PDB file of N, CA and C in Angstrom:
ATOM      1  N   UNK A   1     113.174 125.349  74.737  1.00  0.00           N
ATOM      2  CA  UNK A   1     111.979 125.389  74.523  1.00  0.00           C
ATOM      3  C   UNK A   1     111.242 126.557  75.352  1.00  0.00           C
ATOM      4  N   UNK A   2     110.712 127.474  75.311  1.00  0.00           N
ATOM      5  CA  UNK A   2     110.419 128.364  75.538  1.00  0.00           C
ATOM      6  C   UNK A   2     108.530 128.246  76.361  1.00  0.00           C
ATOM      7  N   UNK A   3     108.519 129.030  77.434  1.00  0.00           N
ATOM      8  CA  UNK A   3     107.387 128.300  78.355  1.00  0.00           C
ATOM      9  C   UNK A   3     106.899 129.791  77.846  1.00  0.00           C
ATOM     10  N   UNK A   4     105.123 129.863  78.151  1.00  0.00           N
ATOM     11  CA  UNK A   4     104.380 130.385  77.756  1.00  0.00           C
ATOM     12  C   UNK A   4     103.679 130.701  79.693  1.00  0.00           C
ATOM     13  N   UNK A   5     103.735 132.052  80.234  1.00  0.00           N
ATOM     14  CA  UNK A   5     103.247 132.092  80.772  1.00  0.00           C
ATOM     15  C   UNK A   5     102.050 133.407  80.902  1.00  0.00           C
ATOM     16  N   UNK A   6     101.096 133.699  82.066  1.00  0.00           N
ATOM     17  CA  UNK A   6     100.428 134.461  82.158  1.00  0.00           C
ATOM     18  C   UNK A   6     100.572 135.440  83.051  1.00  0.00           C
ATOM     19  N   UNK A   7     100.693 136.554  83.012  1.00  0.00           N
ATOM     20  CA  UNK A   7     101.152 137.434  83.929  1.00  0.00           C
ATOM     21  C   UNK A   7      99.755 138.578  84.661  1.00  0.00           C
ATOM     22  N   UNK A   8      99.778 138.900  85.690  1.00  0.00           N
ATOM     23  CA  UNK A   8      99.152 140.183  86.175  1.00  0.00           C
ATOM     24  C   UNK A   8      99.843 141.042  86.041  1.00  0.00           C
ATOM     25  N   UNK A   9      99.554 142.516  85.563  1.00  0.00           N
ATOM     26  CA  UNK A   9     100.326 143.828  85.402  1.00  0.00           C
ATOM     27  C   UNK A   9     101.323 143.765  85.671  1.00  0.00           C
ATOM     28  N   UNK A  10     101.711 142.642  84.413  1.00  0.00           N
ATOM     29  CA  UNK A  10     103.210 142.786  83.979  1.00  0.00           C
ATOM     30  C   UNK A  10     104.339 141.576  85.076  1.00  0.00           C
ATOM     31  N   UNK A  11     103.425 141.089  85.843  1.00  0.00           N
ATOM     32  CA  UNK A  11     104.150 140.431  86.885  1.00  0.00           C
ATOM     33  C   UNK A  11     103.897 138.713  87.027  1.00  0.00           C
ATOM     34  N   UNK A  12     104.542 137.886  86.759  1.00  0.00           N
ATOM     35  CA  UNK A  12     104.138 136.522  86.533  1.00  0.00           C
ATOM     36  C   UNK A  12     103.799 135.566  88.145  1.00  0.00           C
ATOM     37  N   UNK A  13     103.462 135.350  89.136  1.00  0.00           N
ATOM     38  CA  UNK A  13     103.100 135.028  90.056  1.00  0.00           C
ATOM     39  C   UNK A  13     102.573 133.230  89.899  1.00  0.00           C
ATOM     40  N   UNK A  14     103.242 132.605  91.263  1.00  0.00           N
ATOM     41  CA  UNK A  14     103.070 131.084  90.823  1.00  0.00           C
ATOM     42  C   UNK A  14     102.426 131.020  92.508  1.00  0.00           C
ATOM     43  N   UNK A  15     102.288 130.010  92.602  1.00  0.00           N
ATOM     44  CA  UNK A  15     101.867 128.956  94.008  1.00  0.00           C
ATOM     45  C   UNK A  15     103.239 127.987  94.160  1.00  0.00           C
ATOM     46  N   UNK A  16     103.695 128.381  95.399  1.00  0.00           N
ATOM     47  CA  UNK A  16     105.327 127.122  95.550  1.00  0.00           C
ATOM     48  C   UNK A  16     104.586 126.102  96.566  1.00  0.00           C
ATOM     49  N   UNK A  17     104.174 125.528  96.155  1.00  0.00           N
ATOM     50  CA  UNK A  17     103.900 124.141  96.649  1.00  0.00           C
ATOM     51  C   UNK A  17     104.531 123.475  98.053  1.00  0.00           C
ATOM     52  N   UNK A  18     106.158 123.636  97.488  1.00  0.00           N
ATOM     53  CA  UNK A  18     106.669 123.281  98.655  1.00  0.00           C
ATOM     54  C   UNK A  18     106.644 123.678  99.970  1.00  0.00           C
ATOM     55  N   UNK A  19     107.157 125.484  99.942  1.00  0.00           N
ATOM     56  CA  UNK A  19     106.838 126.449 100.672  1.00  0.00           C
ATOM     57  C   UNK A  19     105.309 126.004 101.573  1.00  0.00           C
ATOM     58  N   UNK A  20     104.760 125.881 101.041  1.00  0.00           N
ATOM     59  CA  UNK A  20     102.856 125.463 101.425  1.00  0.00           C
ATOM     60  C   UNK A  20     103.359 124.306 102.324  1.00  0.00           C
ATOM     61  N   UNK A  21     103.733 123.281 101.829  1.00  0.00           N
ATOM     62  CA  UNK A  21     104.178 122.196 102.220  1.00  0.00           C
ATOM     63  C   UNK A  21     104.663 122.351 103.552  1.00  0.00           C
ATOM     64  N   UNK A  22     106.258 122.973 103.588  1.00  0.00           N
ATOM     65  CA  UNK A  22     106.720 123.660 104.923  1.00  0.00           C
ATOM     66  C   UNK A  22     106.336 124.303 105.823  1.00  0.00           C
ATOM     67  N   UNK A  23     105.134 124.847 105.540  1.00  0.00           N
ATOM     68  CA  UNK A  23     104.740 125.996 106.702  1.00  0.00           C
ATOM     69  C   UNK A  23     103.735 125.412 107.201  1.00  0.00           C
ATOM     70  N   UNK A  24     103.144 124.102 106.618  1.00  0.00           N
ATOM     71  CA  UNK A  24     101.748 122.990 107.245  1.00  0.00           C
ATOM     72  C   UNK A  24     102.563 122.276 108.077  1.00  0.00           C
ATOM     73  N   UNK A  25     103.975 121.809 108.105  1.00  0.00           N
ATOM     74  CA  UNK A  25     104.611 120.803 108.733  1.00  0.00           C
ATOM     75  C   UNK A  25     105.006 121.131 110.090  1.00  0.00           C
ATOM     76  N   UNK A  26     104.314 120.104 110.832  1.00  0.00           N
ATOM     77  CA  UNK A  26     104.673 120.173 112.215  1.00  0.00           C
ATOM     78  C   UNK A  26     106.402 119.646 112.447  1.00  0.00           C
ATOM     79  N   UNK A  27     107.331 120.301 113.119  1.00  0.00           N
ATOM     80  CA  UNK A  27     108.459 120.370 113.038  1.00  0.00           C
ATOM     81  C   UNK A  27     108.721 118.677 113.460  1.00  0.00           C
ATOM     82  N   UNK A  28     109.167 118.191 112.556  1.00  0.00           N
ATOM     83  CA  UNK A  28     109.598 117.257 112.791  1.00  0.00           C
ATOM     84  C   UNK A  28     111.256 116.644 113.961  1.00  0.00           C
ATOM     85  N   UNK A  29     111.772 117.603 114.022  1.00  0.00           N
ATOM     86  CA  UNK A  29     112.940 117.540 114.672  1.00  0.00           C
ATOM     87  C   UNK A  29     112.265 117.665 116.184  1.00  0.00           C
ATOM     88  N   UNK A  30     111.370 117.603 116.275  1.00  0.00           N
ATOM     89  CA  UNK A  30     111.062 118.180 118.134  1.00  0.00           C
ATOM     90  C   UNK A  30     110.518 116.545 118.687  1.00  0.00           C
ATOM     91  N   UNK A  31     110.147 115.560 117.611  1.00  0.00           N
ATOM     92  CA  UNK A  31     109.844 114.088 118.195  1.00  0.00           C
ATOM     93  C   UNK A  31     110.419 113.092 116.721  1.00  0.00           C
ATOM     94  N   UNK A  32     110.573 112.063 117.302  1.00  0.00           N
ATOM     95  CA  UNK A  32     111.303 110.989 116.388  1.00  0.00           C
ATOM     96  C   UNK A  32     110.762 110.474 115.425  1.00  0.00           C
ATOM     97  N   UNK A  33     111.017 110.179 114.510  1.00  0.00           N
ATOM     98  CA  UNK A  33     110.727 109.688 113.321  1.00  0.00           C
ATOM     99  C   UNK A  33     109.684 108.379 112.873  1.00  0.00           C
ATOM    100  N   UNK A  34     110.242 107.450 114.287  1.00  0.00           N
ATOM    101  CA  UNK A  34     109.541 106.183 114.328  1.00  0.00           C
ATOM    102  C   UNK A  34     108.723 106.706 115.715  1.00  0.00           C
ATOM    103  N   UNK A  35     107.915 105.368 115.615  1.00  0.00           N
ATOM    104  CA  UNK A  35     106.649 105.148 116.476  1.00  0.00           C
ATOM    105  C   UNK A  35     107.119 103.715 117.166  1.00  0.00           C
ATOM    106  N   UNK A  36     106.900 103.297 118.488  1.00  0.00           N
ATOM    107  CA  UNK A  36     106.965 102.042 119.306  1.00  0.00           C
ATOM    108  C   UNK A  36     106.006 101.992 119.675  1.00  0.00           C
ATOM    109  N   UNK A  37     105.467 100.863 119.450  1.00  0.00           N
ATOM    110  CA  UNK A  37     104.227 100.299 120.047  1.00  0.00           C
ATOM    111  C   UNK A  37     104.525  99.220 120.487  1.00  0.00           C
ATOM    112  N   UNK A  38     104.313  99.110 122.443  1.00  0.00           N
ATOM    113  CA  UNK A  38     104.572  97.911 123.300  1.00  0.00           C
ATOM    114  C   UNK A  38     103.146  97.105 123.550  1.00  0.00           C
ATOM    115  N   UNK A  39     103.206  96.058 123.722  1.00  0.00           N
ATOM    116  CA  UNK A  39     102.105  95.626 124.313  1.00  0.00           C
ATOM    117  C   UNK A  39     102.444  94.095 125.435  1.00  0.00           C
ATOM    118  N   UNK A  40     102.076  94.317 126.336  1.00  0.00           N
ATOM    119  CA  UNK A  40     102.191  93.501 127.427  1.00  0.00           C
ATOM    120  C   UNK A  40     101.064  91.857 127.468  1.00  0.00           C
ATOM    121  N   UNK A  41     101.648  90.872 127.106  1.00  0.00           N
ATOM    122  CA  UNK A  41     100.422  89.992 127.157  1.00  0.00           C
ATOM    123  C   UNK A  41     100.857  89.291 129.066  1.00  0.00           C
ATOM    124  N   UNK A  42     100.066  88.959 129.876  1.00  0.00           N
ATOM    125  CA  UNK A  42      99.920  88.252 130.550  1.00  0.00           C
ATOM    126  C   UNK A  42      99.296  87.020 130.499  1.00  0.00           C
ATOM    127  N   UNK A  43      99.811  85.528 131.034  1.00  0.00           N
ATOM    128  CA  UNK A  43      99.001  84.554 130.944  1.00  0.00           C
ATOM    129  C   UNK A  43      98.820  84.086 132.987  1.00  0.00           C
ATOM    130  N   UNK A  44      97.974  83.695 133.003  1.00  0.00           N
ATOM    131  CA  UNK A  44      97.331  83.232 134.203  1.00  0.00           C
ATOM    132  C   UNK A  44      97.000  81.553 134.442  1.00  0.00           C
ATOM    133  N   UNK A  45      97.207  81.237 135.540  1.00  0.00           N
ATOM    134  CA  UNK A  45      96.610  79.631 135.366  1.00  0.00           C
ATOM    135  C   UNK A  45      95.222  79.907 135.558  1.00  0.00           C
ATOM    136  N   UNK A  46      94.495  78.610 136.413  1.00  0.00           N
ATOM    137  CA  UNK A  46      93.097  78.673 136.534  1.00  0.00           C
ATOM    138  C   UNK A  46      93.012  79.364 138.195  1.00  0.00           C
ATOM    139  N   UNK A  47      94.129  79.354 138.937  1.00  0.00           N
ATOM    140  CA  UNK A  47      93.799  80.190 140.141  1.00  0.00           C
ATOM    141  C   UNK A  47      94.487  81.180 139.778  1.00  0.00           C
ATOM    142  N   UNK A  48      94.604  82.095 138.957  1.00  0.00           N
ATOM    143  CA  UNK A  48      95.058  83.375 138.983  1.00  0.00           C
ATOM    144  C   UNK A  48      96.441  83.844 138.976  1.00  0.00           C
ATOM    145  N   UNK A  49      96.625  82.867 139.072  1.00  0.00           N
ATOM    146  CA  UNK A  49      98.830  83.079 139.373  1.00  0.00           C
ATOM    147  C   UNK A  49      99.151  83.336 137.999  1.00  0.00           C
ATOM    148  N   UNK A  50     100.027  84.337 138.278  1.00  0.00           N
ATOM    149  CA  UNK A  50     100.500  84.260 136.632  1.00  0.00           C
ATOM    150  C   UNK A  50     102.054  83.476 137.008  1.00  0.00           C
ATOM    151  N   UNK A  51     101.824  83.258 135.497  1.00  0.00           N
ATOM    152  CA  UNK A  51     102.545  81.812 134.585  1.00  0.00           C
ATOM    153  C   UNK A  51     103.176  82.403 133.941  1.00  0.00           C
ATOM    154  N   UNK A  52     103.140  83.792 133.048  1.00  0.00           N
ATOM    155  CA  UNK A  52     103.617  84.134 131.648  1.00  0.00           C
ATOM    156  C   UNK A  52     103.399  85.135 131.156  1.00  0.00           C
ATOM    157  N   UNK A  53     104.621  86.253 130.860  1.00  0.00           N
ATOM    158  CA  UNK A  53     104.611  87.331 130.436  1.00  0.00           C
ATOM    159  C   UNK A  53     105.329  87.191 129.349  1.00  0.00           C
ATOM    160  N   UNK A  54     104.797  88.331 128.013  1.00  0.00           N
ATOM    161  CA  UNK A  54     105.080  88.416 127.174  1.00  0.00           C
ATOM    162  C   UNK A  54     105.071  89.563 126.402  1.00  0.00           C
ATOM    163  N   UNK A  55     106.475  89.988 125.996  1.00  0.00           N
ATOM    164  CA  UNK A  55     106.134  91.795 125.721  1.00  0.00           C
ATOM    165  C   UNK A  55     106.595  91.835 124.210  1.00  0.00           C
ATOM    166  N   UNK A  56     105.802  92.364 123.255  1.00  0.00           N
ATOM    167  CA  UNK A  56     105.858  92.743 121.903  1.00  0.00           C
ATOM    168  C   UNK A  56     105.938  94.197 121.517  1.00  0.00           C
ATOM    169  N   UNK A  57     106.656  94.091 120.790  1.00  0.00           N
ATOM    170  CA  UNK A  57     107.462  96.025 120.358  1.00  0.00           C
ATOM    171  C   UNK A  57     106.823  95.321 118.625  1.00  0.00           C
ATOM    172  N   UNK A  58     106.301  96.600 118.341  1.00  0.00           N
ATOM    173  CA  UNK A  58     105.931  97.547 116.488  1.00  0.00           C
ATOM    174  C   UNK A  58     106.464  98.489 116.825  1.00  0.00           C
ATOM    175  N   UNK A  59     107.533  98.577 115.453  1.00  0.00           N
ATOM    176  CA  UNK A  59     108.353  99.678 115.159  1.00  0.00           C
ATOM    177  C   UNK A  59     107.407 100.227 113.679  1.00  0.00           C
ATOM    178  N   UNK A  60     106.953 101.817 113.534  1.00  0.00           N
ATOM    179  CA  UNK A  60     106.446 102.002 112.896  1.00  0.00           C
ATOM    180  C   UNK A  60     106.778 103.317 112.420  1.00  0.00           C
ATOM    181  N   UNK A  61     107.043 103.712 110.794  1.00  0.00           N
ATOM    182  CA  UNK A  61     107.308 104.862 110.529  1.00  0.00           C
ATOM    183  C   UNK A  61     106.331 105.649 110.978  1.00  0.00           C
ATOM    184  N   UNK A  62     106.579 107.052 111.495  1.00  0.00           N
ATOM    185  CA  UNK A  62     105.617 108.153 112.030  1.00  0.00           C
ATOM    186  C   UNK A  62     105.150 108.812 110.583  1.00  0.00           C
ATOM    187  N   UNK A  63     103.639 108.840 110.511  1.00  0.00           N
ATOM    188  CA  UNK A  63     103.031 110.106 109.556  1.00  0.00           C
ATOM    189  C   UNK A  63     103.519 111.337 109.887  1.00  0.00           C
ATOM    190  N   UNK A  64     103.229 111.554 108.840  1.00  0.00           N
ATOM    191  CA  UNK A  64     103.436 113.070 108.554  1.00  0.00           C
ATOM    192  C   UNK A  64     102.169 113.873 109.523  1.00  0.00           C
ATOM    193  N   UNK A  65     102.716 114.871 109.986  1.00  0.00           N
ATOM    194  CA  UNK A  65     102.196 115.639 110.719  1.00  0.00           C
ATOM    195  C   UNK A  65     101.546 116.964 110.140  1.00  0.00           C
ATOM    196  N   UNK A  66     100.580 117.500 109.956  1.00  0.00           N
ATOM    197  CA  UNK A  66     100.256 118.715 109.616  1.00  0.00           C
ATOM    198  C   UNK A  66      99.737 119.897 110.966  1.00  0.00           C
ATOM    199  N   UNK A  67     100.305 121.375 110.872  1.00  0.00           N
ATOM    200  CA  UNK A  67      98.960 121.669 111.539  1.00  0.00           C
ATOM    201  C   UNK A  67      97.694 122.552 111.336  1.00  0.00           C
ATOM    202  N   UNK A  68      97.134 122.153 111.355  1.00  0.00           N
ATOM    203  CA  UNK A  68      95.711 121.754 111.114  1.00  0.00           C
ATOM    204  C   UNK A  68      95.187 123.203 111.094  1.00  0.00           C
ATOM    205  N   UNK A  69      95.166 124.379 112.086  1.00  0.00           N
ATOM    206  CA  UNK A  69      94.767 125.688 112.099  1.00  0.00           C
ATOM    207  C   UNK A  69      95.471 126.371 110.961  1.00  0.00           C
ATOM    208  N   UNK A  70      97.116 125.873 110.653  1.00  0.00           N
ATOM    209  CA  UNK A  70      97.671 126.734 109.642  1.00  0.00           C
ATOM    210  C   UNK A  70      96.986 125.757 108.095  1.00  0.00           C
ATOM    211  N   UNK A  71      96.660 124.590 108.068  1.00  0.00           N
ATOM    212  CA  UNK A  71      96.350 124.392 106.860  1.00  0.00           C
ATOM    213  C   UNK A  71      94.559 125.038 106.328  1.00  0.00           C
ATOM    214  N   UNK A  72      94.037 125.296 107.778  1.00  0.00           N
ATOM    215  CA  UNK A  72      92.605 125.566 107.184  1.00  0.00           C
ATOM    216  C   UNK A  72      92.829 127.425 106.608  1.00  0.00           C
ATOM    217  N   UNK A  73      93.675 128.074 107.495  1.00  0.00           N
ATOM    218  CA  UNK A  73      94.054 128.933 107.199  1.00  0.00           C
ATOM    219  C   UNK A  73      94.234 129.866 106.168  1.00  0.00           C
ATOM    220  N   UNK A  74      95.311 129.046 105.735  1.00  0.00           N
ATOM    221  CA  UNK A  74      95.849 128.729 104.480  1.00  0.00           C
ATOM    222  C   UNK A  74      95.309 128.357 103.221  1.00  0.00           C
ATOM    223  N   UNK A  75      94.109 127.909 103.185  1.00  0.00           N
ATOM    224  CA  UNK A  75      93.230 127.377 102.193  1.00  0.00           C
ATOM    225  C   UNK A  75      92.286 128.320 102.271  1.00  0.00           C
ATOM    226  N   UNK A  76      91.629 129.197 103.159  1.00  0.00           N
ATOM    227  CA  UNK A  76      91.145 130.284 102.796  1.00  0.00           C
ATOM    228  C   UNK A  76      91.560 131.201 102.230  1.00  0.00           C
ATOM    229  N   UNK A  77      93.078 131.727 102.590  1.00  0.00           N
ATOM    230  CA  UNK A  77      93.509 132.809 101.846  1.00  0.00           C
ATOM    231  C   UNK A  77      93.542 132.265 100.574  1.00  0.00           C
ATOM    232  N   UNK A  78      94.180 131.363  99.957  1.00  0.00           N
ATOM    233  CA  UNK A  78      94.175 130.613  98.844  1.00  0.00           C
ATOM    234  C   UNK A  78      92.674 130.774  98.101  1.00  0.00           C
ATOM    235  N   UNK A  79      91.817 130.232  98.245  1.00  0.00           N
ATOM    236  CA  UNK A  79      90.869 130.431  98.411  1.00  0.00           C
ATOM    237  C   UNK A  79      89.680 131.878  97.417  1.00  0.00           C
ATOM    238  N   UNK A  80      90.353 132.715  98.590  1.00  0.00           N
ATOM    239  CA  UNK A  80      90.226 133.881  98.396  1.00  0.00           C
ATOM    240  C   UNK A  80      90.668 134.559  97.239  1.00  0.00           C
ATOM    241  N   UNK A  81      91.886 134.434  96.737  1.00  0.00           N
ATOM    242  CA  UNK A  81      93.095 135.009  95.992  1.00  0.00           C
ATOM    243  C   UNK A  81      92.455 134.038  94.700  1.00  0.00           C
ATOM    244  N   UNK A  82      92.748 132.948  94.907  1.00  0.00           N
ATOM    245  CA  UNK A  82      91.924 132.103  93.381  1.00  0.00           C
ATOM    246  C   UNK A  82      90.348 132.183  92.915  1.00  0.00           C
ATOM    247  N   UNK A  83      89.894 132.359  93.559  1.00  0.00           N
ATOM    248  CA  UNK A  83      88.130 133.052  93.093  1.00  0.00           C
ATOM    249  C   UNK A  83      88.199 134.488  93.319  1.00  0.00           C
ATOM    250  N   UNK A  84      88.665 135.145  94.022  1.00  0.00           N
ATOM    251  CA  UNK A  84      88.679 136.455  93.702  1.00  0.00           C
ATOM    252  C   UNK A  84      88.033 137.025  91.934  1.00  0.00           C
ATOM    253  N   UNK A  85      87.119 137.452  91.715  1.00  0.00           N
ATOM    254  CA  UNK A  85      86.375 138.062  90.405  1.00  0.00           C
ATOM    255  C   UNK A  85      86.746 139.200  90.258  1.00  0.00           C
ATOM    256  N   UNK A  86      87.210 140.498  89.233  1.00  0.00           N
ATOM    257  CA  UNK A  86      86.962 141.576  89.200  1.00  0.00           C
ATOM    258  C   UNK A  86      87.369 141.906  87.486  1.00  0.00           C
ATOM    259  N   UNK A  87      86.945 143.391  87.510  1.00  0.00           N
ATOM    260  CA  UNK A  87      86.745 143.359  86.007  1.00  0.00           C
ATOM    261  C   UNK A  87      88.184 144.131  85.990  1.00  0.00           C
ATOM    262  N   UNK A  88      89.114 144.382  86.695  1.00  0.00           N
ATOM    263  CA  UNK A  88      89.695 146.015  86.625  1.00  0.00           C
ATOM    264  C   UNK A  88      91.029 145.810  85.311  1.00  0.00           C
ATOM    265  N   UNK A  89      91.398 146.747  84.626  1.00  0.00           N
ATOM    266  CA  UNK A  89      92.569 146.689  84.129  1.00  0.00           C
ATOM    267  C   UNK A  89      93.449 146.826  84.733  1.00  0.00           C
ATOM    268  N   UNK A  90      94.710 145.353  84.403  1.00  0.00           N
ATOM    269  CA  UNK A  90      95.668 145.741  84.567  1.00  0.00           C
ATOM    270  C   UNK A  90      96.845 145.894  84.117  1.00  0.00           C
ATOM    271  N   UNK A  91      96.137 147.011  83.125  1.00  0.00           N
ATOM    272  CA  UNK A  91      97.425 147.523  81.874  1.00  0.00           C
ATOM    273  C   UNK A  91      98.923 148.329  82.506  1.00  0.00           C
ATOM    274  N   UNK A  92      98.268 148.975  83.817  1.00  0.00           N
ATOM    275  CA  UNK A  92      98.416 149.868  84.267  1.00  0.00           C
ATOM    276  C   UNK A  92      99.662 149.667  85.590  1.00  0.00           C
ATOM    277  N   UNK A  93      99.708 148.357  85.486  1.00  0.00           N
ATOM    278  CA  UNK A  93     100.534 147.495  86.615  1.00  0.00           C
ATOM    279  C   UNK A  93      99.580 146.944  87.775  1.00  0.00           C
ATOM    280  N   UNK A  94      99.855 145.754  88.499  1.00  0.00           N
ATOM    281  CA  UNK A  94      99.467 144.772  89.336  1.00  0.00           C
ATOM    282  C   UNK A  94      98.793 145.973  90.405  1.00  0.00           C
ATOM    283  N   UNK A  95      99.633 146.893  90.991  1.00  0.00           N
ATOM    284  CA  UNK A  95      99.343 147.863  92.408  1.00  0.00           C
ATOM    285  C   UNK A  95      98.253 148.448  92.230  1.00  0.00           C
ATOM    286  N   UNK A  96      98.301 148.815  90.710  1.00  0.00           N
ATOM    287  CA  UNK A  96      97.440 149.494  90.413  1.00  0.00           C
ATOM    288  C   UNK A  96      95.892 149.249  90.603  1.00  0.00           C
ATOM    289  N   UNK A  97      95.662 148.142  90.113  1.00  0.00           N
ATOM    290  CA  UNK A  97      94.539 146.828  89.713  1.00  0.00           C
ATOM    291  C   UNK A  97      94.219 146.462  90.962  1.00  0.00           C
ATOM    292  N   UNK A  98      94.971 146.174  92.193  1.00  0.00           N
ATOM    293  CA  UNK A  98      94.842 145.749  93.499  1.00  0.00           C
ATOM    294  C   UNK A  98      94.290 146.917  94.840  1.00  0.00           C
ATOM    295  N   UNK A  99      94.858 147.875  94.185  1.00  0.00           N
ATOM    296  CA  UNK A  99      93.947 148.786  94.831  1.00  0.00           C
ATOM    297  C   UNK A  99      92.757 149.250  95.275  1.00  0.00           C
ATOM    298  N   UNK A 100      91.744 148.711  93.797  1.00  0.00           N
ATOM    299  CA  UNK A 100      89.978 148.604  94.353  1.00  0.00           C
ATOM    300  C   UNK A 100      89.129 146.945  94.479  1.00  0.00           C
ATOM    301  N   UNK A 101      90.578 146.318  95.195  1.00  0.00           N
ATOM    302  CA  UNK A 101      89.674 144.857  95.871  1.00  0.00           C
ATOM    303  C   UNK A 101      89.583 144.916  97.224  1.00  0.00           C
ATOM    304  N   UNK A 102      88.928 144.232  97.529  1.00  0.00           N
ATOM    305  CA  UNK A 102      88.612 144.288  98.739  1.00  0.00           C
ATOM    306  C   UNK A 102      89.804 144.093 100.183  1.00  0.00           C
ATOM    307  N   UNK A 103      89.430 144.181 101.242  1.00  0.00           N
ATOM    308  CA  UNK A 103      90.264 144.018 102.503  1.00  0.00           C
ATOM    309  C   UNK A 103      90.778 142.560 102.453  1.00  0.00           C
ATOM    310  N   UNK A 104      89.846 141.901 102.342  1.00  0.00           N
ATOM    311  CA  UNK A 104      90.243 140.344 102.702  1.00  0.00           C
ATOM    312  C   UNK A 104      90.959 139.870 101.495  1.00  0.00           C
ATOM    313  N   UNK A 105      90.629 140.539 100.120  1.00  0.00           N
ATOM    314  CA  UNK A 105      91.611 140.238  99.298  1.00  0.00           C
ATOM    315  C   UNK A 105      93.219 140.379  99.538  1.00  0.00           C
ATOM    316  N   UNK A 106      93.299 141.572  99.685  1.00  0.00           N
ATOM    317  CA  UNK A 106      94.847 142.164  99.871  1.00  0.00           C
ATOM    318  C   UNK A 106      95.517 141.569 101.375  1.00  0.00           C
ATOM    319  N   UNK A 107      94.655 140.930 102.549  1.00  0.00           N
ATOM    320  CA  UNK A 107      95.098 140.553 103.438  1.00  0.00           C
ATOM    321  C   UNK A 107      95.559 139.083 103.074  1.00  0.00           C
ATOM    322  N   UNK A 108      94.924 138.687 102.404  1.00  0.00           N
ATOM    323  CA  UNK A 108      95.284 137.225 101.903  1.00  0.00           C
ATOM    324  C   UNK A 108      96.502 137.045 100.781  1.00  0.00           C
ATOM    325  N   UNK A 109      96.217 138.220 100.205  1.00  0.00           N
ATOM    326  CA  UNK A 109      97.501 137.959  99.040  1.00  0.00           C
ATOM    327  C   UNK A 109      98.458 138.603  99.896  1.00  0.00           C
ATOM    328  N   UNK A 110      99.261 139.306 100.927  1.00  0.00           N
ATOM    329  CA  UNK A 110     100.291 140.026 101.291  1.00  0.00           C
ATOM    330  C   UNK A 110     100.506 139.271 102.026  1.00  0.00           C
ATOM    331  N   UNK A 111      99.743 137.734 102.626  1.00  0.00           N
ATOM    332  CA  UNK A 111     100.264 136.855 103.964  1.00  0.00           C
ATOM    333  C   UNK A 111     100.605 135.855 102.648  1.00  0.00           C
ATOM    334  N   UNK A 112      99.853 135.531 102.017  1.00  0.00           N
ATOM    335  CA  UNK A 112     100.465 134.191 101.443  1.00  0.00           C
ATOM    336  C   UNK A 112     101.992 134.584 100.411  1.00  0.00           C
ATOM    337  N   UNK A 113     102.251 136.081 100.311  1.00  0.00           N
ATOM    338  CA  UNK A 113     102.953 136.313  99.494  1.00  0.00           C
ATOM    339  C   UNK A 113     104.747 136.594 100.378  1.00  0.00           C
ATOM    340  N   UNK A 114     104.133 136.903 101.875  1.00  0.00           N
ATOM    341  CA  UNK A 114     105.056 136.988 102.724  1.00  0.00           C
ATOM    342  C   UNK A 114     105.719 136.221 103.124  1.00  0.00           C
ATOM    343  N   UNK A 115     105.053 134.826 103.338  1.00  0.00           N
ATOM    344  CA  UNK A 115     105.249 133.539 103.666  1.00  0.00           C
ATOM    345  C   UNK A 115     105.393 132.391 102.392  1.00  0.00           C
ATOM    346  N   UNK A 116     106.053 133.077 101.247  1.00  0.00           N
ATOM    347  CA  UNK A 116     106.244 132.758 100.160  1.00  0.00           C
ATOM    348  C   UNK A 116     105.435 131.676  99.684  1.00  0.00           C
ATOM    349  N   UNK A 117     104.565 131.482  99.885  1.00  0.00           N
ATOM    350  CA  UNK A 117     103.784 130.532  98.835  1.00  0.00           C
ATOM    351  C   UNK A 117     103.342 130.986  97.603  1.00  0.00           C
ATOM    352  N   UNK A 118     103.234 132.741  97.754  1.00  0.00           N
ATOM    353  CA  UNK A 118     103.094 132.919  95.812  1.00  0.00           C
ATOM    354  C   UNK A 118     103.927 133.520  96.590  1.00  0.00           C
ATOM    355  N   UNK A 119     104.965 133.289  94.805  1.00  0.00           N
ATOM    356  CA  UNK A 119     105.839 134.213  94.560  1.00  0.00           C
ATOM    357  C   UNK A 119     105.815 134.627  93.103  1.00  0.00           C
ATOM    358  N   UNK A 120     106.753 135.651  93.043  1.00  0.00           N
ATOM    359  CA  UNK A 120     107.212 136.014  91.728  1.00  0.00           C
ATOM    360  C   UNK A 120     107.660 135.272  90.754  1.00  0.00           C
ATOM    361  N   UNK A 121     107.206 134.835  89.461  1.00  0.00           N
ATOM    362  CA  UNK A 121     108.271 134.309  88.670  1.00  0.00           C
ATOM    363  C   UNK A 121     109.397 134.749  87.952  1.00  0.00           C
ATOM    364  N   UNK A 122     110.401 134.803  88.446  1.00  0.00           N
ATOM    365  CA  UNK A 122     111.680 135.811  87.296  1.00  0.00           C
ATOM    366  C   UNK A 122     112.072 135.123  87.064  1.00  0.00           C
TER     367      UNK A 122
END
């Protein structure tokens, strides 16, 4: 089955969600995959003397952690690229059409391309 893609200036781009996820994730190798919560309960008698002590531990899986500053920056870059509207003619190629875009669009697009979030479909 042949897939139909839309292209821009003869190049088909896509957003690599796995690259996006990888760039956002805080490196899990630096910290354990589980969290151990320890609760110590002490029991005292009427005179205030310690008569018993109990320690309970609960082990839970650690939730995924993301770098919120990176997330917000990438979100802003994606929003800039995906919502930019211009009636430029891309029949002479994407490079020519992109020459008239504002600096904010160019920086956003280039950053997403460099980090592998926007990729060319080969």
